[in-house]
Amino acid sequence: MTAITGRSTGFKLPNCRRKWSRQTKRRFITGILFISLWIIGFFAFTLYPMVASLYYSFTEYHIKRAPEWIGLVNYVNLFHDPLFWTSLYNTTYMVVFGVSLSLIVSFTCALLLNLKIRGQSIYRVIYFLPSIVPTVASTLLWLWILNPNSGLLNTILSHIGIRGPSWTTDPTWSKPSLILLGLWGVGNTIVIYLASLQDVPVVLMEAAELDGANWWQRLWAVTIPLVSPVTLFNLIMGVIATFQYFAQAYVLSAGVSPVASGLGAPLNSTLFYSVYLYQQGFVYLKMGYASALAWILFLIILVCTLILLRSSERWTYYEGG
């Protein structure tokens, strides 16, 4: 008994705490070494640029000369800048209509691709292929399709007696043109929806059918609530991505007005927030002003994400909840 408890004068219990601490420290150091490249990259390419841009947003900085501290002047000027409000309106338009339509189209296509028909895998590949086409290439393709004079779409419309609009050169149709382009590449969202549809319990669908529910009632009461967490994910990711909408608008502006100062053509209808930020920072070299724009964009995206997460409690269904 004495040997077990270690109460005799010649017996000492092993220092398990010290031994465990050394082992934990060794594992910690090993883990840090494994992720050291990521840590270096995070501090060098993420954290430092964020802190630097926050500082520059309170300065007048034109790259060629040292930044000069001016306090909140950039933010005050920003809210008095009509092009800031134009870019914010254009971006909000894309978020409201572009994201909404992409979710509806993606979910509808996923429903169709979930049907048990011959050649199902071929259809799935066809719907997914546009999403892997490089952004610049797909935008150039759609610039040709939507060309007002010789484009494929207007040519087809003319054969059925419809005069097509001036898609990319008309301020009224420029943003719908970009939304149409975006709907062509929703393959990733379709795949996510398709995976969630395949997780809908067959038992619930059969029970609803036995209760006399038709296809629409089963879709509305069973399918849509069960895929609502995926809808929330796609919605948040779509909002974040669309608030940073840049490449397609940049290429379209270059197609309409090839000079750098023509960003946002036609008539600033495609001057989205990120395009305006790029214009201020890399065309006019107003890095301080561009940094202020970047931080306002960060706050806008943060607020929108928090609102979506808070409101999701009312319309998102979790099976385990």
C-alpha atoms as a PDB file:
ATOM      1  CA  MET A   1       0.000   0.000   0.000  1.00  0.00           C
ATOM      2  CA  THR A   2       2.888   2.266   0.854  1.00  0.00           C
ATOM      3  CA  ALA A   3       4.539   1.558  -2.485  1.00  0.00           C
ATOM      4  CA  ILE A   4       1.311   2.355  -4.312  1.00  0.00           C
ATOM      5  CA  THR A   5       0.675   5.682  -2.602  1.00  0.00           C
ATOM      6  CA  GLY A   6       4.340   6.712  -2.629  1.00  0.00           C
ATOM      7  CA  ARG A   7       4.353   7.741   1.050  1.00  0.00           C
ATOM      8  CA  SER A   8       7.615   5.943   1.910  1.00  0.00           C
ATOM      9  CA  THR A   9      10.726   8.105   2.155  1.00  0.00           C
ATOM     10  CA  GLY A  10      12.519   6.207  -0.618  1.00  0.00           C
ATOM     11  CA  PHE A  11       9.810   6.455  -3.281  1.00  0.00           C
ATOM     12  CA  LYS A  12       8.804   9.462  -5.364  1.00  0.00           C
ATOM     13  CA  LEU A  13       5.932   9.763  -7.798  1.00  0.00           C
ATOM     14  CA  PRO A  14       7.055  10.655 -11.342  1.00  0.00           C
ATOM     15  CA  ASN A  15       6.683  14.314 -12.321  1.00  0.00           C
ATOM     16  CA  CYS A  16       3.904  13.670 -14.867  1.00  0.00           C
ATOM     17  CA  ARG A  17       3.005  17.357 -15.128  1.00  0.00           C
ATOM     18  CA  ARG A  18       6.534  18.351 -16.166  1.00  0.00           C
ATOM     19  CA  LYS A  19       6.801  15.443 -18.633  1.00  0.00           C
ATOM     20  CA  TRP A  20       3.397  16.261 -20.190  1.00  0.00           C
ATOM     21  CA  SER A  21       4.321  19.935 -20.429  1.00  0.00           C
ATOM     22  CA  ARG A  22       7.522  19.168 -22.341  1.00  0.00           C
ATOM     23  CA  GLN A  23       5.652  16.893 -24.738  1.00  0.00           C
ATOM     24  CA  THR A  24       2.973  19.531 -25.329  1.00  0.00           C
ATOM     25  CA  LYS A  25       5.611  22.193 -25.930  1.00  0.00           C
ATOM     26  CA  ARG A  26       7.373  19.966 -28.456  1.00  0.00           C
ATOM     27  CA  ARG A  27       4.109  19.343 -30.299  1.00  0.00           C
ATOM     28  CA  PHE A  28       3.290  23.047 -30.249  1.00  0.00           C
ATOM     29  CA  ILE A  29       6.651  23.973 -31.750  1.00  0.00           C
ATOM     30  CA  THR A  30       6.254  21.259 -34.395  1.00  0.00           C
ATOM     31  CA  GLY A  31       2.812  22.555 -35.289  1.00  0.00           C
ATOM     32  CA  ILE A  32       4.081  26.135 -35.529  1.00  0.00           C
ATOM     33  CA  LEU A  33       6.868  25.007 -37.870  1.00  0.00           C
ATOM     34  CA  PHE A  34       4.352  23.251 -40.119  1.00  0.00           C
ATOM     35  CA  ILE A  35       2.176  26.372 -40.452  1.00  0.00           C
ATOM     36  CA  SER A  36       5.035  28.884 -40.366  1.00  0.00           C
ATOM     37  CA  LEU A  37       4.763  29.615 -44.090  1.00  0.00           C
ATOM     38  CA  TRP A  38       1.062  30.400 -43.699  1.00  0.00           C
ATOM     39  CA  ILE A  39       1.784  32.625 -40.671  1.00  0.00           C
ATOM     40  CA  ILE A  40       4.464  34.532 -42.584  1.00  0.00           C
ATOM     41  CA  GLY A  41       2.119  34.912 -45.554  1.00  0.00           C
ATOM     42  CA  PHE A  42      -0.741  36.074 -43.324  1.00  0.00           C
ATOM     43  CA  PHE A  43       1.337  38.773 -41.632  1.00  0.00           C
ATOM     44  CA  ALA A  44       3.073  39.871 -44.848  1.00  0.00           C
ATOM     45  CA  PHE A  45       0.179  39.751 -47.329  1.00  0.00           C
ATOM     46  CA  THR A  46      -2.970  40.143 -45.191  1.00  0.00           C
ATOM     47  CA  LEU A  47      -2.440  41.742 -41.792  1.00  0.00           C
ATOM     48  CA  TYR A  48       0.229  44.279 -42.798  1.00  0.00           C
ATOM     49  CA  PRO A  49      -1.685  45.521 -45.889  1.00  0.00           C
ATOM     50  CA  MET A  50      -4.846  45.881 -43.787  1.00  0.00           C
ATOM     51  CA  VAL A  51      -3.080  47.910 -41.082  1.00  0.00           C
ATOM     52  CA  ALA A  52      -1.243  49.974 -43.711  1.00  0.00           C
ATOM     53  CA  SER A  53      -4.451  50.732 -45.629  1.00  0.00           C
ATOM     54  CA  LEU A  54      -6.163  51.776 -42.395  1.00  0.00           C
ATOM     55  CA  TYR A  55      -3.337  54.230 -41.749  1.00  0.00           C
ATOM     56  CA  TYR A  56      -3.329  55.473 -45.356  1.00  0.00           C
ATOM     57  CA  SER A  57      -7.075  56.104 -45.181  1.00  0.00           C
ATOM     58  CA  PHE A  58      -6.320  58.950 -42.752  1.00  0.00           C
ATOM     59  CA  THR A  59      -3.620  60.430 -44.985  1.00  0.00           C
ATOM     60  CA  GLU A  60      -3.181  62.134 -48.324  1.00  0.00           C
ATOM     61  CA  TYR A  61      -1.001  59.646 -50.159  1.00  0.00           C
ATOM     62  CA  HIS A  62      -0.107  59.857 -53.844  1.00  0.00           C
ATOM     63  CA  ILE A  63       2.612  57.130 -53.933  1.00  0.00           C
ATOM     64  CA  LYS A  64       5.331  59.441 -55.255  1.00  0.00           C
ATOM     65  CA  ARG A  65       5.501  61.419 -52.013  1.00  0.00           C
ATOM     66  CA  ALA A  66       5.273  60.464 -48.367  1.00  0.00           C
ATOM     67  CA  PRO A  67       1.792  60.186 -46.838  1.00  0.00           C
ATOM     68  CA  GLU A  68       0.550  63.287 -45.014  1.00  0.00           C
ATOM     69  CA  TRP A  69      -1.817  62.870 -42.059  1.00  0.00           C
ATOM     70  CA  ILE A  70      -5.162  64.601 -42.681  1.00  0.00           C
ATOM     71  CA  GLY A  71      -7.451  62.785 -40.249  1.00  0.00           C
ATOM     72  CA  LEU A  72     -11.024  62.145 -41.380  1.00  0.00           C
ATOM     73  CA  VAL A  73     -10.835  64.356 -44.469  1.00  0.00           C
ATOM     74  CA  ASN A  74     -10.901  61.393 -46.889  1.00  0.00           C
ATOM     75  CA  TYR A  75     -14.041  59.995 -45.251  1.00  0.00           C
ATOM     76  CA  VAL A  76     -15.763  63.387 -45.233  1.00  0.00           C
ATOM     77  CA  ASN A  77     -14.902  63.985 -48.895  1.00  0.00           C
ATOM     78  CA  LEU A  78     -16.046  60.490 -49.736  1.00  0.00           C
ATOM     79  CA  PHE A  79     -19.582  61.111 -48.515  1.00  0.00           C
ATOM     80  CA  HIS A  80     -19.708  64.326 -50.547  1.00  0.00           C
ATOM     81  CA  ASP A  81     -18.486  62.577 -53.674  1.00  0.00           C
ATOM     82  CA  PRO A  82     -21.347  61.968 -56.175  1.00  0.00           C
ATOM     83  CA  LEU A  83     -19.395  59.181 -57.900  1.00  0.00           C
ATOM     84  CA  PHE A  84     -19.134  57.359 -54.569  1.00  0.00           C
ATOM     85  CA  TRP A  85     -22.936  57.268 -54.348  1.00  0.00           C
ATOM     86  CA  THR A  86     -23.184  56.284 -58.018  1.00  0.00           C
ATOM     87  CA  SER A  87     -20.819  53.365 -57.485  1.00  0.00           C
ATOM     88  CA  LEU A  88     -22.659  52.332 -54.330  1.00  0.00           C
ATOM     89  CA  TYR A  89     -26.006  52.438 -56.173  1.00  0.00           C
ATOM     90  CA  ASN A  90     -24.647  50.365 -59.078  1.00  0.00           C
ATOM     91  CA  THR A  91     -23.205  47.801 -56.699  1.00  0.00           C
ATOM     92  CA  THR A  92     -26.385  47.610 -54.630  1.00  0.00           C
ATOM     93  CA  TYR A  93     -28.357  47.086 -57.859  1.00  0.00           C
ATOM     94  CA  MET A  94     -26.150  44.105 -58.687  1.00  0.00           C
ATOM     95  CA  VAL A  95     -26.419  42.713 -55.170  1.00  0.00           C
ATOM     96  CA  VAL A  96     -30.221  42.962 -55.037  1.00  0.00           C
ATOM     97  CA  PHE A  97     -31.065  41.767 -58.539  1.00  0.00           C
ATOM     98  CA  GLY A  98     -27.966  39.788 -59.514  1.00  0.00           C
ATOM     99  CA  VAL A  99     -27.696  37.701 -56.356  1.00  0.00           C
ATOM    100  CA  SER A 100     -31.458  37.118 -56.155  1.00  0.00           C
ATOM    101  CA  LEU A 101     -31.722  35.951 -59.763  1.00  0.00           C
ATOM    102  CA  SER A 102     -28.614  33.771 -59.470  1.00  0.00           C
ATOM    103  CA  LEU A 103     -30.083  31.983 -56.440  1.00  0.00           C
ATOM    104  CA  ILE A 104     -33.421  31.423 -58.188  1.00  0.00           C
ATOM    105  CA  VAL A 105     -31.797  30.201 -61.405  1.00  0.00           C
ATOM    106  CA  SER A 106     -29.304  28.001 -59.540  1.00  0.00           C
ATOM    107  CA  PHE A 107     -31.995  26.374 -57.430  1.00  0.00           C
ATOM    108  CA  THR A 108     -34.247  25.801 -60.453  1.00  0.00           C
ATOM    109  CA  CYS A 109     -31.404  24.242 -62.452  1.00  0.00           C
ATOM    110  CA  ALA A 110     -30.462  22.068 -59.473  1.00  0.00           C
ATOM    111  CA  LEU A 111     -34.052  20.805 -59.263  1.00  0.00           C
ATOM    112  CA  LEU A 112     -33.967  19.884 -62.946  1.00  0.00           C
ATOM    113  CA  LEU A 113     -30.558  18.222 -62.672  1.00  0.00           C
ATOM    114  CA  ASN A 114     -31.772  16.205 -59.691  1.00  0.00           C
ATOM    115  CA  LEU A 115     -34.403  14.448 -61.822  1.00  0.00           C
ATOM    116  CA  LYS A 116     -33.727  10.801 -62.626  1.00  0.00           C
ATOM    117  CA  ILE A 117     -33.482  10.916 -66.408  1.00  0.00           C
ATOM    118  CA  ARG A 118     -31.225   9.426 -69.043  1.00  0.00           C
ATOM    119  CA  GLY A 119     -28.020  11.380 -69.592  1.00  0.00           C
ATOM    120  CA  GLN A 120     -28.250  13.041 -66.196  1.00  0.00           C
ATOM    121  CA  SER A 121     -24.468  13.222 -65.719  1.00  0.00           C
ATOM    122  CA  ILE A 122     -24.004  14.789 -69.171  1.00  0.00           C
ATOM    123  CA  TYR A 123     -26.477  17.565 -68.370  1.00  0.00           C
ATOM    124  CA  ARG A 124     -24.736  18.221 -65.068  1.00  0.00           C
ATOM    125  CA  VAL A 125     -21.379  18.605 -66.807  1.00  0.00           C
ATOM    126  CA  ILE A 126     -22.882  20.956 -69.412  1.00  0.00           C
ATOM    127  CA  TYR A 127     -24.396  23.202 -66.738  1.00  0.00           C
ATOM    128  CA  PHE A 128     -21.168  23.257 -64.731  1.00  0.00           C
ATOM    129  CA  LEU A 129     -18.725  23.898 -67.600  1.00  0.00           C
ATOM    130  CA  PRO A 130     -19.341  27.683 -67.937  1.00  0.00           C
ATOM    131  CA  SER A 131     -18.274  28.241 -64.328  1.00  0.00           C
ATOM    132  CA  ILE A 132     -14.727  27.031 -65.045  1.00  0.00           C
ATOM    133  CA  VAL A 133     -14.231  29.343 -68.029  1.00  0.00           C
ATOM    134  CA  PRO A 134     -11.842  32.192 -67.054  1.00  0.00           C
ATOM    135  CA  THR A 135     -13.663  35.394 -66.176  1.00  0.00           C
ATOM    136  CA  VAL A 136     -11.990  37.530 -68.834  1.00  0.00           C
ATOM    137  CA  ALA A 137     -12.631  34.954 -71.562  1.00  0.00           C
ATOM    138  CA  SER A 138     -16.297  34.559 -70.659  1.00  0.00           C
ATOM    139  CA  THR A 139     -16.784  38.338 -70.509  1.00  0.00           C
ATOM    140  CA  LEU A 140     -15.216  38.791 -73.951  1.00  0.00           C
ATOM    141  CA  LEU A 141     -17.477  36.034 -75.264  1.00  0.00           C
ATOM    142  CA  TRP A 142     -20.551  37.804 -73.914  1.00  0.00           C
ATOM    143  CA  LEU A 143     -19.359  41.126 -75.297  1.00  0.00           C
ATOM    144  CA  TRP A 144     -19.571  39.489 -78.711  1.00  0.00           C
ATOM    145  CA  ILE A 145     -22.937  37.833 -77.970  1.00  0.00           C
ATOM    146  CA  LEU A 146     -24.404  41.135 -76.720  1.00  0.00           C
ATOM    147  CA  ASN A 147     -22.901  43.331 -79.402  1.00  0.00           C
ATOM    148  CA  PRO A 148     -25.743  45.711 -80.395  1.00  0.00           C
ATOM    149  CA  ASN A 149     -24.942  45.593 -84.123  1.00  0.00           C
ATOM    150  CA  SER A 150     -23.575  42.145 -84.928  1.00  0.00           C
ATOM    151  CA  GLY A 151     -24.077  40.187 -81.705  1.00  0.00           C
ATOM    152  CA  LEU A 152     -25.541  36.695 -81.694  1.00  0.00           C
ATOM    153  CA  LEU A 153     -28.440  37.548 -79.374  1.00  0.00           C
ATOM    154  CA  ASN A 154     -29.679  40.558 -81.338  1.00  0.00           C
ATOM    155  CA  THR A 155     -29.271  38.627 -84.582  1.00  0.00           C
ATOM    156  CA  ILE A 156     -31.527  35.869 -83.252  1.00  0.00           C
ATOM    157  CA  LEU A 157     -34.051  38.422 -81.986  1.00  0.00           C
ATOM    158  CA  SER A 158     -34.112  40.165 -85.371  1.00  0.00           C
ATOM    159  CA  HIS A 159     -35.069  36.914 -87.074  1.00  0.00           C
ATOM    160  CA  ILE A 160     -38.243  36.745 -84.971  1.00  0.00           C
ATOM    161  CA  GLY A 161     -39.125  40.392 -85.503  1.00  0.00           C
ATOM    162  CA  ILE A 162     -37.732  41.842 -82.271  1.00  0.00           C
ATOM    163  CA  ARG A 163     -35.297  44.719 -82.268  1.00  0.00           C
ATOM    164  CA  GLY A 164     -32.735  43.967 -79.595  1.00  0.00           C
ATOM    165  CA  PRO A 165     -31.526  46.676 -77.214  1.00  0.00           C
ATOM    166  CA  SER A 166     -28.063  48.236 -77.202  1.00  0.00           C
ATOM    167  CA  TRP A 167     -26.910  45.918 -74.450  1.00  0.00           C
ATOM    168  CA  THR A 168     -23.411  47.079 -73.581  1.00  0.00           C
ATOM    169  CA  THR A 169     -23.583  50.642 -74.913  1.00  0.00           C
ATOM    170  CA  ASP A 170     -26.886  51.673 -73.322  1.00  0.00           C
ATOM    171  CA  PRO A 171     -26.731  52.741 -69.625  1.00  0.00           C
ATOM    172  CA  THR A 172     -30.191  51.244 -69.115  1.00  0.00           C
ATOM    173  CA  TRP A 173     -29.115  47.790 -70.293  1.00  0.00           C
ATOM    174  CA  SER A 174     -25.469  47.615 -69.202  1.00  0.00           C
ATOM    175  CA  LYS A 175     -26.145  46.250 -65.704  1.00  0.00           C
ATOM    176  CA  PRO A 176     -28.776  43.727 -66.917  1.00  0.00           C
ATOM    177  CA  SER A 177     -26.152  42.598 -69.453  1.00  0.00           C
ATOM    178  CA  LEU A 178     -23.717  41.870 -66.626  1.00  0.00           C
ATOM    179  CA  ILE A 179     -26.430  40.074 -64.647  1.00  0.00           C
ATOM    180  CA  LEU A 180     -27.143  37.921 -67.702  1.00  0.00           C
ATOM    181  CA  LEU A 181     -23.434  37.177 -67.961  1.00  0.00           C
ATOM    182  CA  GLY A 182     -23.386  36.172 -64.304  1.00  0.00           C
ATOM    183  CA  LEU A 183     -26.336  33.813 -64.703  1.00  0.00           C
ATOM    184  CA  TRP A 184     -24.351  31.942 -67.343  1.00  0.00           C
ATOM    185  CA  GLY A 185     -21.688  30.999 -64.791  1.00  0.00           C
ATOM    186  CA  VAL A 186     -23.688  29.828 -61.767  1.00  0.00           C
ATOM    187  CA  GLY A 187     -22.395  26.263 -62.032  1.00  0.00           C
ATOM    188  CA  ASN A 188     -20.718  26.293 -58.612  1.00  0.00           C
ATOM    189  CA  THR A 189     -23.918  27.384 -56.891  1.00  0.00           C
ATOM    190  CA  ILE A 190     -25.877  24.741 -58.824  1.00  0.00           C
ATOM    191  CA  VAL A 191     -23.518  22.018 -57.587  1.00  0.00           C
ATOM    192  CA  ILE A 192     -23.920  23.150 -53.960  1.00  0.00           C
ATOM    193  CA  TYR A 193     -27.711  23.192 -54.300  1.00  0.00           C
ATOM    194  CA  LEU A 194     -27.652  19.808 -56.025  1.00  0.00           C
ATOM    195  CA  ALA A 195     -25.700  18.281 -53.150  1.00  0.00           C
ATOM    196  CA  SER A 196     -28.188  19.682 -50.633  1.00  0.00           C
ATOM    197  CA  LEU A 197     -31.164  18.378 -52.633  1.00  0.00           C
ATOM    198  CA  GLN A 198     -29.720  14.895 -52.537  1.00  0.00           C
ATOM    199  CA  ASP A 199     -29.605  15.127 -48.734  1.00  0.00           C
ATOM    200  CA  VAL A 200     -33.337  15.822 -48.439  1.00  0.00           C
ATOM    201  CA  PRO A 201     -34.779  12.743 -46.645  1.00  0.00           C
ATOM    202  CA  VAL A 202     -36.851  10.609 -48.991  1.00  0.00           C
ATOM    203  CA  VAL A 203     -39.015   9.595 -46.016  1.00  0.00           C
ATOM    204  CA  LEU A 204     -40.297  13.157 -45.588  1.00  0.00           C
ATOM    205  CA  MET A 205     -41.092  13.478 -49.287  1.00  0.00           C
ATOM    206  CA  GLU A 206     -42.978  10.171 -49.263  1.00  0.00           C
ATOM    207  CA  ALA A 207     -44.875  11.142 -46.110  1.00  0.00           C
ATOM    208  CA  ALA A 208     -45.931  14.442 -47.681  1.00  0.00           C
ATOM    209  CA  GLU A 209     -47.024  12.619 -50.829  1.00  0.00           C
ATOM    210  CA  LEU A 210     -49.090  10.180 -48.786  1.00  0.00           C
ATOM    211  CA  ASP A 211     -50.746  13.149 -47.072  1.00  0.00           C
ATOM    212  CA  GLY A 212     -51.901  14.345 -50.488  1.00  0.00           C
ATOM    213  CA  ALA A 213     -49.321  17.090 -51.093  1.00  0.00           C
ATOM    214  CA  ASN A 214     -48.707  17.825 -54.763  1.00  0.00           C
ATOM    215  CA  TRP A 215     -45.303  18.619 -56.299  1.00  0.00           C
ATOM    216  CA  TRP A 216     -45.471  22.332 -55.530  1.00  0.00           C
ATOM    217  CA  GLN A 217     -46.606  21.780 -51.935  1.00  0.00           C
ATOM    218  CA  ARG A 218     -43.787  19.279 -51.358  1.00  0.00           C
ATOM    219  CA  LEU A 219     -41.302  21.745 -52.810  1.00  0.00           C
ATOM    220  CA  TRP A 220     -42.559  24.664 -50.717  1.00  0.00           C
ATOM    221  CA  ALA A 221     -43.122  22.843 -47.416  1.00  0.00           C
ATOM    222  CA  VAL A 222     -40.337  20.254 -47.453  1.00  0.00           C
ATOM    223  CA  THR A 223     -37.579  20.887 -49.990  1.00  0.00           C
ATOM    224  CA  ILE A 224     -37.090  24.638 -49.649  1.00  0.00           C
ATOM    225  CA  PRO A 225     -36.977  24.644 -45.805  1.00  0.00           C
ATOM    226  CA  LEU A 226     -34.525  21.726 -45.742  1.00  0.00           C
ATOM    227  CA  VAL A 227     -32.110  23.433 -48.155  1.00  0.00           C
ATOM    228  CA  SER A 228     -32.461  26.838 -46.464  1.00  0.00           C
ATOM    229  CA  PRO A 229     -29.028  26.571 -44.713  1.00  0.00           C
ATOM    230  CA  VAL A 230     -27.448  26.152 -48.146  1.00  0.00           C
ATOM    231  CA  THR A 231     -29.487  29.112 -49.396  1.00  0.00           C
ATOM    232  CA  LEU A 232     -28.101  31.177 -46.517  1.00  0.00           C
ATOM    233  CA  PHE A 233     -24.543  30.143 -47.402  1.00  0.00           C
ATOM    234  CA  ASN A 234     -24.990  30.921 -51.102  1.00  0.00           C
ATOM    235  CA  LEU A 235     -26.687  34.216 -50.264  1.00  0.00           C
ATOM    236  CA  ILE A 236     -23.890  35.410 -47.981  1.00  0.00           C
ATOM    237  CA  MET A 237     -21.151  34.324 -50.375  1.00  0.00           C
ATOM    238  CA  GLY A 238     -23.000  35.939 -53.272  1.00  0.00           C
ATOM    239  CA  VAL A 239     -23.435  39.237 -51.420  1.00  0.00           C
ATOM    240  CA  ILE A 240     -19.760  39.332 -50.408  1.00  0.00           C
ATOM    241  CA  ALA A 241     -18.575  38.516 -53.936  1.00  0.00           C
ATOM    242  CA  THR A 242     -20.931  40.965 -55.648  1.00  0.00           C
ATOM    243  CA  PHE A 243     -19.961  43.867 -53.398  1.00  0.00           C
ATOM    244  CA  GLN A 244     -16.422  43.251 -54.720  1.00  0.00           C
ATOM    245  CA  TYR A 245     -17.610  42.964 -58.333  1.00  0.00           C
ATOM    246  CA  PHE A 246     -14.767  44.075 -60.595  1.00  0.00           C
ATOM    247  CA  ALA A 247     -13.369  41.915 -63.409  1.00  0.00           C
ATOM    248  CA  GLN A 248     -16.461  41.673 -65.638  1.00  0.00           C
ATOM    249  CA  ALA A 249     -17.224  45.386 -65.315  1.00  0.00           C
ATOM    250  CA  TYR A 250     -13.599  46.290 -66.025  1.00  0.00           C
ATOM    251  CA  VAL A 251     -13.505  44.203 -69.209  1.00  0.00           C
ATOM    252  CA  LEU A 252     -16.906  45.527 -70.329  1.00  0.00           C
ATOM    253  CA  SER A 253     -15.781  49.129 -69.768  1.00  0.00           C
ATOM    254  CA  ALA A 254     -12.625  48.457 -71.778  1.00  0.00           C
ATOM    255  CA  GLY A 255     -14.757  47.060 -74.582  1.00  0.00           C
ATOM    256  CA  VAL A 256     -16.944  50.163 -74.641  1.00  0.00           C
ATOM    257  CA  SER A 257     -14.251  52.770 -73.876  1.00  0.00           C
ATOM    258  CA  PRO A 258     -10.690  51.413 -74.216  1.00  0.00           C
ATOM    259  CA  VAL A 259      -9.004  54.257 -72.266  1.00  0.00           C
ATOM    260  CA  ALA A 260      -8.413  53.841 -68.524  1.00  0.00           C
ATOM    261  CA  SER A 261     -10.350  57.001 -67.686  1.00  0.00           C
ATOM    262  CA  GLY A 262     -13.391  55.421 -69.336  1.00  0.00           C
ATOM    263  CA  LEU A 263     -13.954  52.980 -66.476  1.00  0.00           C
ATOM    264  CA  GLY A 264     -17.648  52.695 -65.745  1.00  0.00           C
ATOM    265  CA  ALA A 265     -18.715  53.207 -69.366  1.00  0.00           C
ATOM    266  CA  PRO A 266     -21.304  53.773 -70.614  1.00  0.00           C
ATOM    267  CA  LEU A 267     -21.995  56.928 -68.584  1.00  0.00           C
ATOM    268  CA  ASN A 268     -20.842  55.447 -65.246  1.00  0.00           C
ATOM    269  CA  SER A 269     -23.562  52.793 -65.400  1.00  0.00           C
ATOM    270  CA  THR A 270     -20.947  50.086 -64.709  1.00  0.00           C
ATOM    271  CA  LEU A 271     -18.921  52.132 -62.243  1.00  0.00           C
ATOM    272  CA  PHE A 272     -19.175  49.615 -59.424  1.00  0.00           C
ATOM    273  CA  TYR A 273     -17.621  50.181 -56.016  1.00  0.00           C
ATOM    274  CA  SER A 274     -14.483  48.117 -56.632  1.00  0.00           C
ATOM    275  CA  VAL A 275     -14.044  49.684 -60.064  1.00  0.00           C
ATOM    276  CA  TYR A 276     -14.221  53.163 -58.545  1.00  0.00           C
ATOM    277  CA  LEU A 277     -11.784  52.097 -55.819  1.00  0.00           C
ATOM    278  CA  TYR A 278      -9.377  50.826 -58.485  1.00  0.00           C
ATOM    279  CA  GLN A 279      -9.785  54.022 -60.482  1.00  0.00           C
ATOM    280  CA  GLN A 280      -8.940  56.228 -57.503  1.00  0.00           C
ATOM    281  CA  GLY A 281      -6.003  54.116 -56.363  1.00  0.00           C
ATOM    282  CA  PHE A 282      -4.339  52.945 -59.560  1.00  0.00           C
ATOM    283  CA  VAL A 283      -5.458  55.424 -62.227  1.00  0.00           C
ATOM    284  CA  TYR A 284      -5.474  58.674 -60.242  1.00  0.00           C
ATOM    285  CA  LEU A 285      -2.940  57.329 -57.662  1.00  0.00           C
ATOM    286  CA  LYS A 286      -5.016  58.603 -54.712  1.00  0.00           C
ATOM    287  CA  MET A 287      -4.067  55.760 -52.389  1.00  0.00           C
ATOM    288  CA  GLY A 288      -5.320  57.481 -49.249  1.00  0.00           C
ATOM    289  CA  TYR A 289      -8.740  58.063 -50.760  1.00  0.00           C
ATOM    290  CA  ALA A 290      -8.821  54.513 -52.163  1.00  0.00           C
ATOM    291  CA  SER A 291      -7.942  53.116 -48.725  1.00  0.00           C
ATOM    292  CA  ALA A 292     -10.866  55.006 -47.206  1.00  0.00           C
ATOM    293  CA  LEU A 293     -13.122  53.514 -49.889  1.00  0.00           C
ATOM    294  CA  ALA A 294     -11.794  50.048 -49.064  1.00  0.00           C
ATOM    295  CA  TRP A 295     -12.581  50.369 -45.366  1.00  0.00           C
ATOM    296  CA  ILE A 296     -16.064  51.685 -46.035  1.00  0.00           C
ATOM    297  CA  LEU A 297     -16.614  48.655 -48.284  1.00  0.00           C
ATOM    298  CA  PHE A 298     -15.368  46.378 -45.503  1.00  0.00           C
ATOM    299  CA  LEU A 299     -17.865  47.891 -43.067  1.00  0.00           C
ATOM    300  CA  ILE A 300     -20.721  47.625 -45.585  1.00  0.00           C
ATOM    301  CA  ILE A 301     -20.009  43.943 -46.208  1.00  0.00           C
ATOM    302  CA  LEU A 302     -19.668  43.289 -42.458  1.00  0.00           C
ATOM    303  CA  VAL A 303     -23.008  44.945 -41.670  1.00  0.00           C
ATOM    304  CA  CYS A 304     -24.815  43.133 -44.508  1.00  0.00           C
ATOM    305  CA  THR A 305     -23.386  39.779 -43.397  1.00  0.00           C
ATOM    306  CA  LEU A 306     -24.426  40.347 -39.780  1.00  0.00           C
ATOM    307  CA  ILE A 307     -27.945  41.362 -40.869  1.00  0.00           C
ATOM    308  CA  LEU A 308     -28.292  38.220 -42.984  1.00  0.00           C
ATOM    309  CA  LEU A 309     -27.046  35.997 -40.159  1.00  0.00           C
ATOM    310  CA  ARG A 310     -29.386  37.628 -37.638  1.00  0.00           C
ATOM    311  CA  SER A 311     -32.420  37.478 -39.939  1.00  0.00           C
ATOM    312  CA  SER A 312     -31.680  33.863 -40.895  1.00  0.00           C
ATOM    313  CA  GLU A 313     -33.074  32.719 -37.551  1.00  0.00           C
ATOM    314  CA  ARG A 314     -36.565  33.427 -38.932  1.00  0.00           C
ATOM    315  CA  TRP A 315     -36.308  31.564 -42.226  1.00  0.00           C
ATOM    316  CA  THR A 316     -33.493  29.021 -41.915  1.00  0.00           C
ATOM    317  CA  TYR A 317     -34.379  25.520 -40.757  1.00  0.00           C
ATOM    318  CA  TYR A 318     -31.799  23.240 -39.158  1.00  0.00           C
ATOM    319  CA  GLU A 319     -32.852  19.634 -38.814  1.00  0.00           C
ATOM    320  CA  GLY A 320     -31.125  19.150 -35.496  1.00  0.00           C
ATOM    321  CA  GLY A 321     -32.486  22.410 -34.051  1.00  0.00           C
END
